[in-house]
Amino acid sequence: MTALDVRALVGGYGAADHIVKGVSLRVAGGELVTIIGPNGAGKSTVLKLLVGLLRPSGGQVQLDGEAVTGRSPRALVQAGLLLVPQERNIFGELSVEENLIMGSFLQLGQARARMREVMERLPLLGQRRKAPGRTLSGGQRQLLAIGQALMARPRVLMLDEPTAGLSPQVAEDLFALVRQIRDGGMAVLMVEQNALDALQVSDRAYVLVDGTNHADGDARTLAADPQIRALFLGGRTAAQV
């Protein structure tokens, strides 16, 4: 079943500034879908439009068949649409435990039970539960940001450049975690600049160019497509990178 269905989404940072010019995409439950594209293609703007940080000026968004276009960020969190932004995604002065509790701000009565669930899934957070967020490494911060989002039990989890600034090994570990979340039945939509690695771990992908759909399909098929390789990989195959 389609968890997230986006049709002809239009919007940007002003009435006359349409960075996104009619993007359509869908994500099913238990599916990991990645958006790739050159800088300025509108990838992150799509996510901001979907979670209400920017207001769409056109198009339709459905979550499990329910129309949610143009709702406020709070209402979208309540509906189950969560975004882990690339930056400023944790509270540095709060402990790991306190950061996780913030993820349940709409249902604080369930915070302790949900925190136990998240720490069982992400044991490193349990080991660092009293540590201030600012003391965590880059990879640990991303882990905490994802854990904070999981506290709200999203129907669709969206990630904006989750491996930005991480070492190759830490990025690989993070991708493995994202796949585990997908394997648990959650719909995951990810924006990634690291196109090759993202395509290798995803089920399907969408390629955006200049705010519009350029290509979409099976992620591994796209990774092997000569045009996609030329656009993002300098013509190299996965085996050559």
Protein backbone atom coordinates (compact mmCIF):
# COMPACT_ATOMS: atom_id res chain seq x y z
CA MET A 1 0.00 0.00 0.00
CA THR A 2 1.21 3.49 -0.85
CA ALA A 3 2.08 5.34 2.35
CA LEU A 4 3.04 8.66 0.75
CA ASP A 5 1.63 9.84 -2.58
CA VAL A 6 2.80 13.19 -3.96
CA ARG A 7 1.32 14.53 -7.19
CA ALA A 8 2.50 17.59 -9.13
CA LEU A 9 3.93 19.36 -6.06
CA VAL A 10 4.81 23.00 -6.65
CA GLY A 11 6.41 25.50 -4.29
CA GLY A 12 9.45 27.32 -3.00
CA TYR A 13 10.44 30.24 -0.82
CA GLY A 14 8.02 32.77 -2.26
CA ALA A 15 4.98 33.14 -4.50
CA ALA A 16 7.19 33.78 -7.53
CA ASP A 17 10.01 31.45 -6.50
CA HIS A 18 8.94 27.96 -7.54
CA ILE A 19 12.01 25.83 -6.96
CA VAL A 20 9.83 22.70 -7.12
CA LYS A 21 7.88 22.70 -10.38
CA GLY A 22 5.52 19.77 -10.35
CA VAL A 23 7.30 16.87 -8.64
CA SER A 24 5.45 13.56 -8.26
CA LEU A 25 6.56 10.57 -6.22
CA ARG A 26 5.27 7.74 -4.08
CA VAL A 27 6.61 5.61 -1.24
CA ALA A 28 5.06 2.35 -0.05
CA GLY A 29 5.20 0.92 3.44
CA GLY A 30 8.40 -1.08 3.94
CA GLU A 31 10.09 0.74 1.06
CA LEU A 32 13.20 2.92 0.97
CA VAL A 33 13.00 5.54 -1.76
CA THR A 34 15.77 8.05 -2.44
CA ILE A 35 15.70 11.38 -4.26
CA ILE A 36 18.91 12.31 -6.04
CA GLY A 37 19.81 15.17 -8.34
CA PRO A 38 22.36 17.92 -8.93
CA ASN A 39 22.74 20.85 -6.56
CA GLY A 40 19.79 23.20 -6.84
CA ALA A 41 17.45 20.52 -8.19
CA GLY A 42 14.95 21.11 -5.37
CA LYS A 43 15.51 17.88 -3.43
CA SER A 44 15.53 19.34 0.08
CA THR A 45 12.82 21.83 -0.86
CA VAL A 46 10.52 18.92 -1.64
CA LEU A 47 10.95 17.62 1.91
CA LYS A 48 10.31 21.06 3.41
CA LEU A 49 7.12 21.37 1.38
CA LEU A 50 5.98 17.94 2.50
CA VAL A 51 6.40 18.66 6.23
CA GLY A 52 4.91 22.15 6.14
CA LEU A 53 8.10 24.17 6.62
CA LEU A 54 7.19 25.69 3.26
CA ARG A 55 3.62 25.99 1.98
CA PRO A 56 2.90 24.31 -1.37
CA SER A 57 1.35 26.51 -4.03
CA GLY A 58 0.16 23.55 -6.06
CA GLY A 59 -0.20 19.79 -6.09
CA GLN A 60 -1.56 17.13 -3.76
CA VAL A 61 -0.05 15.15 -0.88
CA GLN A 62 -1.71 12.05 0.56
CA LEU A 63 -0.61 10.07 3.60
CA ASP A 64 -2.09 6.56 3.62
CA GLY A 65 -4.81 7.85 1.32
CA GLU A 66 -5.64 10.88 3.48
CA ALA A 67 -5.20 14.35 1.97
CA VAL A 68 -2.68 16.35 4.04
CA THR A 69 -1.67 19.06 1.57
CA GLY A 70 -0.85 22.37 3.23
CA ARG A 71 -1.27 21.23 6.84
CA SER A 72 0.87 22.78 9.57
CA PRO A 73 4.09 21.06 10.68
CA ARG A 74 2.46 20.09 13.98
CA ALA A 75 -0.54 18.55 12.23
CA LEU A 76 1.73 16.63 9.87
CA VAL A 77 3.72 15.22 12.79
CA GLN A 78 0.43 14.14 14.36
CA ALA A 79 -0.52 12.50 11.06
CA GLY A 80 2.77 10.58 11.04
CA LEU A 81 5.00 12.46 8.58
CA LEU A 82 8.42 13.14 10.16
CA LEU A 83 11.55 14.84 8.79
CA VAL A 84 15.10 14.52 10.13
CA PRO A 85 16.77 17.69 8.78
CA GLN A 86 20.39 17.80 7.71
CA GLU A 87 21.45 20.37 10.29
CA ARG A 88 20.34 21.54 13.75
CA ASN A 89 18.52 18.26 14.25
CA ILE A 90 19.27 17.75 17.97
CA PHE A 91 19.43 19.91 21.11
CA GLY A 92 23.10 20.19 22.02
CA GLU A 93 22.59 21.25 25.64
CA LEU A 94 20.11 18.47 26.40
CA SER A 95 21.11 14.91 27.20
CA VAL A 96 20.50 12.03 24.83
CA GLU A 97 17.59 10.97 27.03
CA GLU A 98 16.10 14.46 27.07
CA ASN A 99 16.47 14.73 23.28
CA LEU A 100 14.50 11.53 22.86
CA ILE A 101 11.76 12.74 25.18
CA MET A 102 11.45 15.86 22.99
CA GLY A 103 10.56 13.54 20.13
CA SER A 104 7.38 12.57 22.01
CA PHE A 105 6.30 16.15 22.69
CA LEU A 106 2.79 15.45 21.38
CA GLN A 107 2.35 12.38 23.60
CA LEU A 108 4.58 12.88 26.63
CA GLY A 109 2.67 10.30 28.63
CA GLN A 110 4.12 7.61 26.37
CA ALA A 111 7.66 9.00 26.27
CA ARG A 112 9.29 6.55 28.71
CA ALA A 113 7.85 3.46 27.06
CA ARG A 114 8.79 4.69 23.61
CA MET A 115 12.29 5.63 24.76
CA ARG A 116 12.87 2.06 25.91
CA GLU A 117 11.81 0.83 22.47
CA VAL A 118 14.14 3.26 20.69
CA MET A 119 17.10 2.41 22.93
CA GLU A 120 16.54 -1.30 22.30
CA ARG A 121 16.70 -0.60 18.57
CA LEU A 122 19.60 1.87 18.91
CA PRO A 123 21.63 0.57 21.89
CA LEU A 124 24.36 3.20 21.52
CA LEU A 125 21.83 5.81 22.62
CA GLY A 126 21.20 3.82 25.78
CA GLN A 127 24.92 3.71 26.49
CA ARG A 128 25.17 7.51 26.11
CA ARG A 129 21.78 8.38 27.59
CA LYS A 130 23.14 10.97 30.07
CA ALA A 131 25.65 12.55 27.66
CA PRO A 132 24.90 16.07 26.35
CA GLY A 133 24.06 16.09 22.66
CA ARG A 134 26.92 18.47 21.92
CA THR A 135 29.46 15.84 23.05
CA LEU A 136 28.38 13.28 20.45
CA SER A 137 30.26 12.58 17.24
CA GLY A 138 28.69 13.42 13.88
CA GLY A 139 27.47 9.88 13.37
CA GLN A 140 26.09 9.66 16.90
CA ARG A 141 24.22 12.93 16.42
CA GLN A 142 22.56 11.57 13.31
CA LEU A 143 21.68 8.43 15.22
CA LEU A 144 20.12 10.54 17.96
CA ALA A 145 18.19 12.64 15.43
CA ILE A 146 16.75 9.49 13.88
CA GLY A 147 15.95 8.11 17.33
CA GLN A 148 14.17 11.33 18.20
CA ALA A 149 12.02 10.99 15.06
CA LEU A 150 11.24 7.34 15.84
CA MET A 151 9.87 8.43 19.23
CA ALA A 152 6.85 9.82 17.36
CA ARG A 153 6.26 6.45 15.63
CA PRO A 154 6.05 7.94 12.14
CA ARG A 155 4.18 6.38 9.27
CA VAL A 156 6.69 7.94 6.87
CA LEU A 157 10.24 8.87 7.93
CA MET A 158 12.05 11.43 5.77
CA LEU A 159 15.80 12.01 5.94
CA ASP A 160 17.60 15.02 4.44
CA GLU A 161 21.24 14.23 3.57
CA PRO A 162 21.74 11.87 6.55
CA THR A 163 25.35 11.00 5.64
CA ALA A 164 26.56 14.57 5.00
CA GLY A 165 29.97 15.09 6.60
CA LEU A 166 30.31 11.51 7.82
CA SER A 167 33.25 9.19 7.15
CA PRO A 168 32.63 6.37 4.63
CA GLN A 169 32.41 3.73 7.37
CA VAL A 170 30.02 5.75 9.53
CA ALA A 171 27.92 6.53 6.45
CA GLU A 172 27.76 2.82 5.62
CA ASP A 173 26.63 2.03 9.17
CA LEU A 174 23.96 4.72 8.97
CA PHE A 175 22.67 3.36 5.67
CA ALA A 176 22.47 -0.08 7.30
CA LEU A 177 20.34 1.40 10.09
CA VAL A 178 18.02 3.05 7.57
CA ARG A 179 17.56 -0.29 5.83
CA GLN A 180 16.74 -1.92 9.17
CA ILE A 181 14.06 0.70 9.76
CA ARG A 182 12.70 -0.02 6.27
CA ASP A 183 12.77 -3.76 6.98
CA GLY A 184 10.59 -3.09 10.02
CA GLY A 185 7.81 -1.99 7.67
CA MET A 186 8.25 1.79 7.77
CA ALA A 187 8.14 3.92 4.63
CA VAL A 188 11.39 5.88 4.26
CA LEU A 189 12.03 8.78 1.87
CA MET A 190 15.64 9.99 1.76
CA VAL A 191 17.43 12.83 -0.01
CA GLU A 192 21.09 12.06 -0.64
CA GLN A 193 23.90 13.84 -2.46
CA ASN A 194 26.00 10.67 -2.32
CA ALA A 195 24.13 9.26 -5.30
CA LEU A 196 25.94 5.97 -5.90
CA ASP A 197 25.85 4.69 -2.32
CA ALA A 198 22.26 5.85 -1.92
CA LEU A 199 21.16 3.96 -5.02
CA GLN A 200 22.91 0.81 -3.81
CA VAL A 201 20.88 0.70 -0.59
CA SER A 202 17.52 1.94 -1.89
CA ASP A 203 14.57 0.10 -3.43
CA ARG A 204 13.57 2.83 -5.85
CA ALA A 205 14.78 6.33 -6.67
CA TYR A 206 13.69 9.57 -8.26
CA VAL A 207 16.07 11.83 -10.14
CA LEU A 208 15.21 15.53 -10.01
CA VAL A 209 16.64 18.15 -12.36
CA ASP A 210 15.63 21.82 -12.16
CA GLY A 211 12.72 21.12 -9.85
CA THR A 212 11.05 18.48 -12.01
CA ASN A 213 11.05 14.69 -12.39
CA HIS A 214 13.87 13.63 -14.69
CA ALA A 215 13.84 9.84 -14.18
CA ASP A 216 12.62 7.23 -11.73
CA GLY A 217 12.65 3.49 -11.25
CA ASP A 218 14.45 0.62 -9.58
CA ALA A 219 17.45 2.06 -7.75
CA ARG A 220 20.01 -0.48 -9.00
CA THR A 221 18.75 -0.10 -12.57
CA LEU A 222 19.20 3.65 -12.34
CA ALA A 223 22.70 3.18 -10.93
CA ALA A 224 23.60 1.15 -14.03
CA ASP A 225 22.01 3.57 -16.51
CA PRO A 226 24.69 5.26 -18.67
CA GLN A 227 22.93 8.64 -18.58
CA ILE A 228 22.63 8.58 -14.79
CA ARG A 229 26.26 7.47 -14.44
CA ALA A 230 27.38 10.30 -16.68
CA LEU A 231 25.29 12.82 -14.77
CA PHE A 232 26.36 11.81 -11.24
CA LEU A 233 29.24 9.35 -11.44
CA GLY A 234 31.44 10.67 -14.26
CA GLY A 235 30.59 7.60 -16.33
CA ARG A 236 31.94 5.17 -13.71
CA THR A 237 30.18 1.96 -12.85
CA ALA A 238 29.51 0.91 -9.26
CA ALA A 239 32.42 -1.56 -9.49
CA GLN A 240 34.81 1.22 -10.49
CA VAL A 241 33.97 3.52 -7.57
